Protein backbone atom coordinates (compact mmCIF):
# COMPACT_ATOMS: atom_id res chain seq x y z
CA MET A 1 -41.80 14.38 -112.22
CA THR A 2 -40.60 14.38 -115.77
CA ALA A 3 -37.60 12.09 -116.42
CA LEU A 4 -34.72 12.51 -118.78
CA ARG A 5 -35.30 10.76 -122.09
CA PRO A 6 -32.67 9.12 -124.20
CA GLU A 7 -32.06 10.38 -127.67
CA ARG A 8 -33.66 7.41 -129.32
CA GLU A 9 -36.98 8.22 -127.72
CA SER A 10 -37.02 11.83 -128.90
CA GLY A 11 -35.42 11.48 -132.30
CA ALA A 12 -38.15 13.35 -134.07
CA ALA A 13 -37.84 16.26 -131.70
CA HIS A 14 -34.12 16.42 -132.34
CA ARG A 15 -34.59 16.43 -136.01
CA ASP A 16 -37.15 19.19 -135.75
CA ALA A 17 -34.99 21.24 -133.45
CA SER A 18 -32.00 20.94 -135.78
CA ALA A 19 -34.03 22.03 -138.70
CA SER A 20 -35.31 25.08 -136.91
CA GLY A 21 -31.74 26.14 -135.86
CA PHE A 22 -32.23 26.28 -132.06
CA GLY A 23 -28.83 24.98 -130.97
CA GLY A 24 -29.73 21.34 -131.59
CA ALA A 25 -27.76 18.30 -130.65
CA GLY A 26 -26.03 18.16 -133.99
CA ASP A 27 -24.59 21.65 -133.67
CA GLN A 28 -23.48 21.06 -130.08
CA GLY A 29 -21.87 17.74 -130.93
CA ALA A 30 -19.97 19.28 -133.78
CA SER A 31 -18.69 22.13 -131.68
CA TYR A 32 -17.48 19.96 -128.74
CA GLY A 33 -16.52 16.83 -130.56
CA GLN A 34 -18.97 14.73 -128.46
CA GLN A 35 -22.10 12.72 -129.03
CA PRO A 36 -25.27 14.81 -129.26
CA TYR A 37 -26.58 15.75 -125.84
CA GLU A 38 -30.02 14.96 -124.66
CA LEU A 39 -32.59 17.63 -124.33
CA TYR A 40 -34.42 17.86 -121.06
CA GLY A 41 -37.98 18.93 -120.46
CA SER A 42 -40.99 17.97 -122.51
CA HIS A 43 -43.32 19.54 -124.92
CA GLU A 44 -46.11 18.79 -122.59
CA SER A 45 -44.70 21.12 -119.92
CA HIS A 46 -43.32 23.87 -122.17
CA GLY A 47 -45.40 23.57 -125.27
CA SER A 48 -42.59 24.11 -127.75
CA TYR A 49 -38.95 23.15 -128.34
CA GLU A 50 -37.70 26.62 -127.70
CA SER A 51 -37.24 25.88 -123.98
CA TYR A 52 -34.86 22.90 -124.60
CA GLU A 53 -31.17 23.49 -123.78
CA PRO A 54 -28.13 21.18 -124.02
CA TYR A 55 -27.56 19.00 -120.82
CA PRO A 56 -25.10 18.37 -119.33
CA PRO A 57 -22.15 20.64 -120.26
CA PRO A 58 -19.26 19.02 -122.15
CA VAL A 59 -16.74 16.86 -120.24
CA ASP A 60 -13.56 18.65 -119.27
CA GLU A 61 -10.78 17.15 -121.41
CA GLU A 62 -8.07 18.12 -118.89
CA THR A 63 -9.17 15.60 -116.20
CA VAL A 64 -10.01 11.89 -116.13
CA ALA A 65 -11.63 11.86 -112.69
CA LEU A 66 -14.92 10.08 -112.35
CA ARG A 67 -18.06 12.09 -111.94
CA ILE A 68 -20.60 11.19 -109.34
CA PRO A 69 -24.19 12.38 -109.47
CA GLY A 70 -24.89 15.46 -107.43
CA PRO A 71 -27.67 15.89 -104.92
CA PRO A 72 -31.19 15.60 -106.28
CA VAL A 73 -32.60 18.78 -107.77
CA ASP A 74 -36.05 19.83 -106.69
CA ALA A 75 -38.54 20.13 -109.46
CA GLY A 76 -40.79 23.11 -109.87
CA ALA A 77 -44.40 23.18 -109.11
CA ASP A 78 -45.19 21.96 -112.61
CA GLY A 79 -42.71 19.08 -112.41
CA ALA A 80 -40.10 20.70 -114.74
CA ILE A 81 -36.41 21.24 -113.94
CA SER A 82 -34.88 24.52 -114.93
CA ALA A 83 -32.01 24.53 -117.35
CA SER A 84 -29.55 26.30 -114.98
CA GLU A 85 -30.19 23.83 -112.13
CA ALA A 86 -29.90 20.85 -114.46
CA SER A 87 -26.65 22.04 -116.02
CA SER A 88 -25.00 22.58 -112.62
CA ALA A 89 -26.12 19.27 -111.00
CA PRO A 90 -23.46 16.87 -112.33
CA SER A 91 -20.50 19.08 -111.42
CA ALA A 92 -21.67 20.21 -107.96
CA ALA A 93 -20.28 17.19 -106.14
CA GLY A 94 -16.86 17.48 -107.74
CA PRO A 95 -14.62 14.60 -108.89
CA ALA A 96 -14.64 11.20 -107.16
CA PRO A 97 -11.89 10.69 -104.58
CA GLY A 98 -8.90 8.55 -105.47
CA GLY A 99 -8.19 8.86 -109.14
CA ARG A 100 -6.87 6.28 -111.56
CA ALA A 101 -4.62 4.48 -109.05
CA ALA A 102 -7.53 4.04 -106.63
CA ARG A 103 -9.76 2.67 -109.37
CA ARG A 104 -7.13 0.15 -110.47
CA LYS A 105 -6.55 -0.97 -106.86
CA ALA A 106 -10.27 -1.43 -106.28
CA ALA A 107 -10.59 -3.41 -109.53
CA LYS A 108 -7.74 -5.73 -108.54
CA ARG A 109 -9.33 -6.38 -105.15
CA ARG A 110 -12.64 -7.21 -106.74
CA HIS A 111 -10.93 -9.47 -109.25
CA GLY A 112 -9.04 -11.28 -106.49
CA ARG A 113 -12.20 -11.95 -104.50
CA ARG A 114 -14.04 -13.22 -107.54
CA SER A 115 -11.26 -15.56 -108.61
CA GLY A 116 -10.74 -16.93 -105.07
CA THR A 117 -6.97 -16.51 -105.22
CA ARG A 118 -5.16 -16.25 -101.89
CA GLN A 119 -3.17 -13.09 -101.42
CA ALA A 120 0.32 -13.18 -100.03
CA ALA A 121 0.58 -12.87 -96.27
CA GLY A 122 1.66 -9.49 -95.02
CA PRO A 123 1.33 -7.16 -92.07
CA ARG A 124 -2.17 -6.23 -91.07
CA PRO A 125 -3.18 -2.76 -92.28
CA THR A 126 -2.78 -0.03 -89.72
CA GLY A 127 -3.18 3.72 -89.71
CA ASP A 128 -4.23 5.07 -93.05
CA GLN A 129 -3.92 1.74 -94.91
CA ASP A 130 -6.99 0.09 -96.38
CA THR A 131 -8.85 -2.03 -93.85
CA ASP A 132 -11.78 -3.17 -96.00
CA GLU A 133 -10.09 -6.38 -97.20
CA GLU A 134 -11.94 -9.59 -96.47
CA PRO A 135 -10.30 -12.36 -94.33
CA ARG A 136 -7.76 -14.42 -96.24
CA ALA A 137 -8.67 -17.87 -97.47
CA PRO A 138 -7.64 -20.74 -95.11
CA LEU A 139 -4.32 -22.45 -95.76
CA SER A 140 -4.23 -25.74 -97.55
CA ARG A 141 -3.39 -28.86 -95.55
CA VAL A 142 0.05 -29.18 -97.15
CA GLU A 143 0.86 -25.52 -96.53
CA ALA A 144 -0.32 -25.74 -92.91
CA ARG A 145 1.90 -28.78 -92.29
CA ARG A 146 4.87 -27.09 -93.89
CA ARG A 147 4.49 -24.03 -91.71
CA ALA A 148 4.01 -26.17 -88.60
CA ARG A 149 7.27 -28.00 -89.36
CA ALA A 150 9.03 -24.68 -89.87
CA ARG A 151 7.86 -23.44 -86.45
CA ARG A 152 8.91 -26.68 -84.73
CA PRO A 153 12.26 -26.24 -82.86
CA SER A 154 15.25 -28.14 -84.20
CA PRO A 155 16.92 -30.98 -82.24
CA GLY A 156 19.83 -28.69 -81.39
CA VAL A 157 17.51 -26.12 -79.85
CA ILE A 158 15.71 -28.82 -77.84
CA ALA A 159 19.01 -30.25 -76.61
CA SER A 160 20.28 -26.82 -75.55
CA ARG A 161 17.05 -26.18 -73.65
CA VAL A 162 17.30 -29.51 -71.83
CA ILE A 163 20.95 -28.91 -70.91
CA GLY A 164 20.14 -25.41 -69.70
CA GLU A 165 17.30 -26.69 -67.52
CA LEU A 166 19.58 -29.37 -66.08
CA PHE A 167 22.21 -26.77 -65.20
CA ILE A 168 19.61 -24.55 -63.56
CA THR A 169 18.14 -27.45 -61.59
CA THR A 170 21.59 -28.60 -60.50
CA GLY A 171 22.52 -25.09 -59.40
CA VAL A 172 19.32 -24.74 -57.38
CA LEU A 173 19.87 -28.12 -55.70
CA MET A 174 23.49 -27.26 -54.85
CA LEU A 175 22.41 -23.94 -53.40
CA LEU A 176 19.80 -25.67 -51.25
CA PHE A 177 22.32 -28.27 -50.10
CA VAL A 178 24.91 -25.64 -49.15
CA SER A 179 22.26 -23.67 -47.28
CA TYR A 180 21.23 -26.81 -45.44
CA GLN A 181 24.81 -27.75 -44.51
CA LEU A 182 26.09 -24.34 -43.50
CA TRP A 183 23.00 -22.88 -41.88
CA TRP A 184 20.22 -25.29 -41.06
CA THR A 185 22.42 -28.03 -39.54
CA ASN A 186 23.90 -25.47 -37.15
CA VAL A 187 20.48 -24.20 -36.15
CA ARG A 188 19.21 -27.67 -35.44
CA ALA A 189 22.40 -28.85 -33.67
CA HIS A 190 22.52 -25.80 -31.42
CA ALA A 191 18.92 -26.40 -30.39
CA GLN A 192 19.63 -30.05 -29.57
CA ALA A 193 22.85 -29.24 -27.69
CA ASP A 194 21.14 -26.52 -25.64
CA LYS A 195 18.35 -28.91 -24.76
CA GLU A 196 20.86 -31.54 -23.58
CA THR A 197 22.79 -28.98 -21.53
CA SER A 198 19.62 -27.79 -19.80
CA SER A 199 18.59 -31.38 -19.10
CA LEU A 200 21.98 -32.14 -17.46
CA GLN A 201 21.87 -29.03 -15.31
CA ASP A 202 18.31 -29.77 -14.20
CA ASP A 203 19.28 -33.32 -13.22
CA TRP A 204 22.29 -32.08 -11.25
CA ALA A 205 20.22 -29.42 -9.52
CA SER A 206 17.58 -31.95 -8.49
CA GLY A 207 20.24 -34.31 -7.04
CA LYS A 208 19.61 -37.07 -9.59
CA ARG A 209 22.66 -39.33 -9.65
CA ASN A 210 24.11 -40.78 -12.84
CA PRO A 211 26.08 -44.04 -12.85
CA GLY A 212 29.80 -44.08 -13.48
CA ALA A 213 29.36 -45.83 -16.87
CA PHE A 214 27.32 -44.13 -19.58
CA SER A 215 25.53 -45.56 -22.61
CA PRO A 216 26.42 -44.37 -26.14
CA GLY A 217 24.87 -41.00 -26.86
CA GLN A 218 24.19 -40.22 -23.19
CA GLY A 219 25.37 -36.84 -21.95
CA PHE A 220 27.40 -36.78 -18.73
CA ALA A 221 29.43 -33.53 -18.65
CA ILE A 222 29.71 -29.99 -20.05
CA LEU A 223 32.77 -28.59 -21.85
CA HIS A 224 33.69 -24.90 -21.40
CA ILE A 225 36.27 -23.07 -23.52
CA PRO A 226 36.01 -19.47 -22.26
CA LYS A 227 38.30 -17.94 -24.89
CA LEU A 228 36.08 -19.27 -27.71
CA ASP A 229 32.81 -18.79 -25.81
CA VAL A 230 32.04 -22.49 -26.17
CA VAL A 231 29.62 -24.26 -23.82
CA VAL A 232 28.67 -27.68 -25.17
CA PRO A 233 27.55 -31.01 -23.64
CA ILE A 234 29.84 -34.05 -23.66
CA ALA A 235 28.22 -37.39 -24.57
CA GLU A 236 29.53 -40.91 -24.59
CA GLY A 237 30.86 -42.14 -27.94
CA VAL A 238 31.86 -40.45 -31.21
CA SER A 239 28.94 -41.56 -33.38
CA ASN A 240 27.87 -38.96 -35.93
CA ASP A 241 24.15 -39.76 -35.68
CA LYS A 242 23.90 -40.05 -31.90
CA VAL A 243 26.46 -37.48 -30.78
CA LEU A 244 28.47 -35.31 -33.18
CA ASP A 245 25.67 -34.37 -35.62
CA ARG A 246 23.52 -33.38 -32.64
CA GLY A 247 25.91 -30.56 -31.80
CA MET A 248 27.61 -32.35 -28.88
CA VAL A 249 31.22 -33.30 -28.22
CA GLY A 250 31.93 -37.04 -28.11
CA HIS A 251 34.14 -38.95 -25.68
CA TYR A 252 36.41 -41.69 -27.02
CA GLY A 253 35.15 -44.28 -24.55
CA GLN A 254 34.66 -47.48 -26.54
CA GLY A 255 36.72 -50.10 -28.34
CA ALA A 256 40.35 -49.62 -29.25
CA LEU A 257 40.06 -45.83 -28.90
CA LYS A 258 38.81 -45.95 -25.33
CA THR A 259 40.30 -43.15 -23.20
CA ALA A 260 40.16 -42.28 -19.50
CA MET A 261 37.45 -40.26 -17.77
CA PRO A 262 38.34 -36.87 -16.23
CA ASP A 263 38.22 -38.20 -12.66
CA ALA A 264 40.83 -40.91 -13.36
CA LYS A 265 44.08 -40.52 -11.43
CA THR A 266 46.11 -40.78 -14.66
CA GLY A 267 45.14 -41.00 -18.27
CA ASN A 268 44.13 -39.03 -21.36
CA PHE A 269 40.57 -37.71 -21.69
CA GLY A 270 39.98 -37.71 -25.47
CA LEU A 271 37.19 -35.68 -27.15
CA ALA A 272 36.02 -35.25 -30.76
CA GLY A 273 33.82 -32.57 -32.31
CA HIS A 274 32.83 -31.04 -35.66
CA ARG A 275 34.81 -28.12 -36.95
CA ASN A 276 32.20 -27.12 -39.53
CA THR A 277 28.43 -27.64 -39.67
CA HIS A 278 26.26 -29.42 -37.08
CA GLY A 279 26.97 -26.87 -34.38
CA GLU A 280 30.74 -26.72 -35.19
CA PRO A 281 31.89 -26.57 -31.51
CA PHE A 282 35.57 -27.03 -32.42
CA ARG A 283 35.68 -24.59 -35.33
CA TYR A 284 38.19 -22.19 -33.76
CA ILE A 285 40.29 -24.45 -31.53
CA ASN A 286 43.25 -23.67 -33.78
CA LYS A 287 43.23 -20.20 -32.18
CA LEU A 288 43.97 -21.53 -28.70
CA THR A 289 47.36 -20.68 -27.30
CA ALA A 290 49.41 -22.08 -24.42
CA GLY A 291 47.82 -21.34 -21.06
CA ASP A 292 44.21 -20.96 -22.32
CA ALA A 293 41.70 -22.68 -20.01
CA ILE A 294 39.68 -25.75 -20.94
CA VAL A 295 37.12 -26.72 -18.27
CA VAL A 296 35.15 -29.97 -17.96
CA GLU A 297 32.09 -29.67 -15.68
CA THR A 298 30.60 -32.86 -14.22
CA GLN A 299 27.88 -33.50 -11.65
CA ASP A 300 30.28 -33.10 -8.69
CA THR A 301 33.48 -31.47 -9.95
CA TYR A 302 35.10 -28.88 -12.19
CA PHE A 303 38.23 -30.16 -13.97
CA VAL A 304 40.43 -27.33 -15.21
CA TYR A 305 43.06 -27.90 -17.92
CA LYS A 306 45.58 -25.54 -19.45
CA MET A 307 46.30 -25.78 -23.16
CA THR A 308 49.95 -26.85 -23.72
CA SER A 309 50.55 -27.83 -27.36
CA THR A 310 48.96 -28.50 -30.73
CA LEU A 311 49.48 -30.67 -33.80
CA PRO A 312 48.16 -28.71 -36.82
CA VAL A 313 47.96 -31.63 -39.27
CA THR A 314 48.02 -35.38 -38.88
CA SER A 315 46.49 -38.44 -40.50
CA PRO A 316 43.04 -39.64 -39.33
CA SER A 317 44.63 -43.02 -38.63
CA ASN A 318 47.14 -41.56 -36.16
CA THR A 319 45.53 -42.90 -32.98
CA SER A 320 48.71 -42.44 -30.95
CA VAL A 321 47.54 -38.92 -30.14
CA LEU A 322 45.01 -40.59 -27.79
CA ASN A 323 47.55 -42.70 -25.88
CA PRO A 324 47.74 -42.28 -22.07
CA VAL A 325 50.90 -40.34 -22.82
CA PRO A 326 50.04 -38.78 -26.20
CA GLN A 327 52.72 -39.06 -28.86
CA GLY A 328 53.83 -35.67 -30.20
CA SER A 329 52.25 -33.76 -27.33
CA GLY A 330 55.50 -33.06 -25.51
CA PHE A 331 54.42 -34.97 -22.40
CA THR A 332 57.10 -37.29 -21.11
CA GLY A 333 55.28 -39.32 -18.46
CA PRO A 334 51.89 -40.32 -17.10
CA GLY A 335 49.56 -37.54 -16.09
CA ARG A 336 46.01 -36.22 -16.37
CA TYR A 337 45.67 -34.94 -19.90
CA ILE A 338 42.95 -33.81 -22.32
CA THR A 339 43.00 -34.20 -26.12
CA LEU A 340 40.70 -32.33 -28.56
CA THR A 341 40.45 -33.71 -32.12
CA THR A 342 38.71 -32.26 -35.16
CA CYS A 343 38.93 -32.18 -38.97
CA THR A 344 41.23 -29.94 -40.99
CA PRO A 345 41.33 -28.04 -43.33
CA GLU A 346 37.92 -26.48 -42.80
CA PHE A 347 35.00 -28.03 -44.69
CA THR A 348 37.02 -31.21 -45.31
CA SER A 349 37.85 -34.37 -43.35
CA LYS A 350 41.15 -35.18 -45.02
CA TYR A 351 43.35 -34.56 -41.95
CA ARG A 352 43.02 -34.05 -38.21
CA LEU A 353 43.89 -31.10 -35.97
CA ILE A 354 44.97 -31.97 -32.40
CA VAL A 355 45.05 -29.79 -29.28
CA TRP A 356 46.43 -31.03 -25.91
CA GLY A 357 46.03 -29.76 -22.40
CA LYS A 358 47.13 -30.70 -18.88
CA MET A 359 44.95 -30.70 -15.77
CA VAL A 360 45.90 -27.94 -13.31
CA GLU A 361 42.90 -27.90 -10.96
CA GLU A 362 40.15 -30.21 -9.69
CA ARG A 363 37.49 -28.16 -7.91
CA PRO A 364 34.32 -29.55 -6.25
CA ARG A 365 31.11 -27.88 -7.33
CA SER A 366 30.34 -27.12 -3.70
CA LYS A 367 33.18 -24.58 -3.73
CA GLY A 368 31.73 -22.70 -6.67
CA LYS A 369 33.01 -22.09 -10.14
CA PRO A 370 36.75 -21.99 -10.89
CA ASP A 371 38.43 -18.70 -11.70
CA ALA A 372 38.56 -19.59 -15.42
CA LEU A 373 34.75 -19.50 -15.59
CA VAL A 374 34.25 -16.56 -13.24
CA SER A 375 36.58 -14.18 -15.04
């Protein structure tokens, strides 16, 4: 295929064409204000200069868009390109996309990559933004340290986080403790008290005899308060670990606070129990009124008491409430009495609540349950 030849290679042909007046490069250049155009073709294929025409057409002065070469033009059988096809080839593809702004942007990007300068950090391109930028250069050691220090939390932030975590941990622990005290201790104490009650009843049913004196923590009777639906075993002593925290009621039977047993001819049968947590058998004894039944069941006998009076608040050191004739109870002489003691107000142990009763019936088990338990 014949190639286009620059003007310097066909200078003689230009000069001859100009002299013969066939629209030479000089005339075309003068008319369009441009450099003389090349002539395409060759004298070998056409035989004379008459077939040469100006190529390509003059540049449009009204636009500055770049021109890109059009699709290749097929040559004829003899290897020549026609003048009409050649003149239309450059303009067939149209102007290059972008324009001046796009060219300047592309030049700046190329300049930045060549110079190795690091561009300012910014949001990653999305959508219709350019995405052909190369990865940014790695940060210098000084810049990396500076940014790491900037991301590091301040002492105030660290202190606030620590305090917040301490508050959260404390709150969780308090919640667990309250759940343990108010719920789990009752569950466990009720299970232990029920087991002790069943054991006592089985022993009594089998005819197993218990001695008159009982060791600390040993169960020997069952307390019934029908109005409060209370059925709880009575054990010797008022120890928290061995008696009260196990859901049982304790008998003041040791030391200076020793009180009489129910079968004594005279005396005061003193009992203690929790008002809150650990089975809380005495939680609602403040609701008892005069005449309410309090029954103590032993291996051989039912002892029935009637509630007579109460002392809503007194000091824990006021042991006179356990005297054979309790002080403040309203009793004036010896008799067979019962005293219930517990803490008050609820969920505290600052004061004591006292309830007194007087025995009204002693019924052998062989005669069946008393009316207070039947009704």
